[in-house]
């Protein structure tokens, strides 16, 4: 029975580690996205910090990236940036965030 318990504990630790990594990657991705949008909007350093927090908070509305996408789309509505360009940038920055932790 102890072999089974050891395997169970091992899987639980891996799951906890994977979830923590996913959280960190998502937070870093949201920071990068917010910095990208802040540059487009011409924000100074102080406004950028506030904007980063607003993007991170937006990500807690629902699972996945759609809540962040909607926020960014609204914020960039006057800047002629297509949905495809936003999604492409989000994917690019997600890969960058993931590579920061691997």
Protein backbone atom coordinates (compact mmCIF):
# COMPACT_ATOMS: atom_id res chain seq x y z
CA UNK A 1 0.00 0.00 0.00
CA UNK A 2 2.87 2.41 0.62
CA UNK A 3 3.92 2.25 -3.06
CA UNK A 4 0.45 3.37 -4.04
CA UNK A 5 0.51 6.14 -1.43
CA UNK A 6 3.94 7.27 -2.64
CA UNK A 7 2.70 7.44 -6.22
CA UNK A 8 -0.38 9.35 -5.13
CA UNK A 9 1.71 11.88 -3.21
CA UNK A 10 4.06 12.20 -6.16
CA UNK A 11 1.17 12.96 -8.52
CA UNK A 12 -0.27 15.46 -6.05
CA UNK A 13 3.07 17.26 -5.80
CA UNK A 14 3.41 17.36 -9.59
CA UNK A 15 -0.12 18.71 -9.95
CA UNK A 16 0.54 21.42 -7.35
CA UNK A 17 3.81 22.34 -9.07
CA UNK A 18 2.15 22.47 -12.50
CA UNK A 19 -0.66 24.69 -11.19
CA UNK A 20 1.80 27.04 -9.53
CA UNK A 21 3.82 27.26 -12.74
CA UNK A 22 0.69 27.95 -14.78
CA UNK A 23 -0.29 30.75 -12.38
CA UNK A 24 3.16 32.32 -12.62
CA UNK A 25 3.24 32.07 -16.42
CA UNK A 26 -0.25 33.60 -16.69
CA UNK A 27 0.68 36.49 -14.40
CA UNK A 28 3.88 37.16 -16.34
CA UNK A 29 2.00 36.95 -19.66
CA UNK A 30 -0.56 39.46 -18.42
CA UNK A 31 2.23 41.79 -17.33
CA UNK A 32 3.85 41.59 -20.76
CA UNK A 33 0.53 42.17 -22.51
CA UNK A 34 -0.23 45.16 -20.29
CA UNK A 35 3.21 46.62 -21.02
CA UNK A 36 2.63 46.21 -24.76
CA UNK A 37 -0.75 47.95 -24.57
CA UNK A 38 0.64 50.66 -22.29
CA UNK A 39 3.26 51.55 -24.89
CA UNK A 40 0.58 51.80 -27.59
CA UNK A 41 -1.54 54.00 -25.32
CA UNK A 42 1.46 56.17 -24.41
CA UNK A 43 1.24 55.58 -20.68
CA UNK A 44 3.97 56.77 -18.35
CA UNK A 45 5.52 54.42 -15.80
CA UNK A 46 2.94 55.17 -13.10
CA UNK A 47 -0.04 54.65 -15.40
CA UNK A 48 1.59 51.48 -16.73
CA UNK A 49 1.80 50.00 -13.21
CA UNK A 50 -1.88 50.72 -12.67
CA UNK A 51 -2.75 49.28 -16.07
CA UNK A 52 -0.79 46.08 -15.38
CA UNK A 53 -2.87 45.58 -12.22
CA UNK A 54 -6.10 46.15 -14.14
CA UNK A 55 -5.17 43.51 -16.72
CA UNK A 56 -4.24 41.02 -14.01
CA UNK A 57 -7.58 41.68 -12.28
CA UNK A 58 -9.43 41.25 -15.58
CA UNK A 59 -7.94 37.77 -15.89
CA UNK A 60 -9.79 36.64 -12.75
CA UNK A 61 -13.23 37.18 -14.33
CA UNK A 62 -13.30 33.78 -16.06
CA UNK A 63 -11.06 30.89 -17.00
CA UNK A 64 -8.92 31.32 -20.08
CA UNK A 65 -7.72 34.41 -21.92
CA UNK A 66 -11.01 35.76 -23.28
CA UNK A 67 -11.52 38.16 -20.38
CA UNK A 68 -8.09 39.70 -20.97
CA UNK A 69 -8.67 39.76 -24.72
CA UNK A 70 -11.95 41.65 -24.30
CA UNK A 71 -10.35 44.22 -21.99
CA UNK A 72 -7.45 44.83 -24.36
CA UNK A 73 -9.75 45.02 -27.37
CA UNK A 74 -11.83 47.73 -25.69
CA UNK A 75 -8.73 49.62 -24.54
CA UNK A 76 -7.23 49.55 -28.06
CA UNK A 77 -10.45 50.31 -29.95
CA UNK A 78 -9.16 53.68 -31.21
CA UNK A 79 -5.81 52.34 -32.41
CA UNK A 80 -6.66 50.23 -35.49
CA UNK A 81 -5.35 46.96 -34.05
CA UNK A 82 -7.19 43.90 -35.31
CA UNK A 83 -8.42 41.00 -33.20
CA UNK A 84 -5.94 38.75 -35.01
CA UNK A 85 -3.05 41.04 -34.16
CA UNK A 86 -4.08 41.11 -30.50
CA UNK A 87 -4.40 37.32 -30.35
CA UNK A 88 -1.08 36.86 -32.14
CA UNK A 89 0.64 39.17 -29.65
CA UNK A 90 -1.03 37.39 -26.72
CA UNK A 91 0.25 34.03 -28.00
CA UNK A 92 3.73 35.43 -28.57
CA UNK A 93 3.88 36.89 -25.07
CA UNK A 94 2.52 33.68 -23.56
CA UNK A 95 5.42 31.78 -25.13
CA UNK A 96 7.85 34.41 -23.83
CA UNK A 97 6.38 34.14 -20.31
CA UNK A 98 6.59 30.34 -20.43
CA UNK A 99 10.22 30.45 -21.54
CA UNK A 100 10.98 32.70 -18.56
CA UNK A 101 10.19 29.76 -16.29
CA UNK A 102 11.74 26.89 -18.22
